[in-house]
Amino acid sequence: DLGYAPATPAAPGAGYTPATPAAP
């Protein structure tokens, strides 16, 4: 769980690591 909603939808086979750190 990233703890925040990424602006980009998760790619197929989610569980990806976003390049941007989670915002506060």
Protein backbone atom coordinates (compact mmCIF):
# COMPACT_ATOMS: atom_id res chain seq x y z
CA ASP A 1 0.00 0.00 0.00
CA LEU A 2 1.51 3.29 -1.10
CA GLY A 3 -0.44 5.31 1.43
CA TYR A 4 -1.46 7.83 -1.23
CA ALA A 5 -3.25 7.82 -4.56
CA PRO A 6 -0.80 8.06 -7.46
CA ALA A 7 -1.89 10.31 -10.32
CA THR A 8 -1.08 7.59 -12.83
CA PRO A 9 -3.10 4.39 -12.77
CA ALA A 10 -1.18 1.30 -11.76
CA ALA A 11 0.34 -0.55 -14.68
CA PRO A 12 -0.85 -4.10 -15.36
CA GLY A 13 0.43 -6.36 -12.61
CA ALA A 14 0.45 -3.49 -10.11
CA GLY A 15 2.68 -3.47 -7.07
CA TYR A 16 4.99 -1.09 -8.88
CA THR A 17 7.31 1.40 -7.21
CA PRO A 18 6.48 5.00 -8.13
CA ALA A 19 9.46 7.11 -9.14
CA THR A 20 8.13 10.01 -7.12
CA PRO A 21 8.22 9.81 -3.33
CA ALA A 22 4.90 9.92 -1.53
CA ALA A 23 3.80 13.45 -0.75
CA PRO A 24 3.09 14.33 2.86
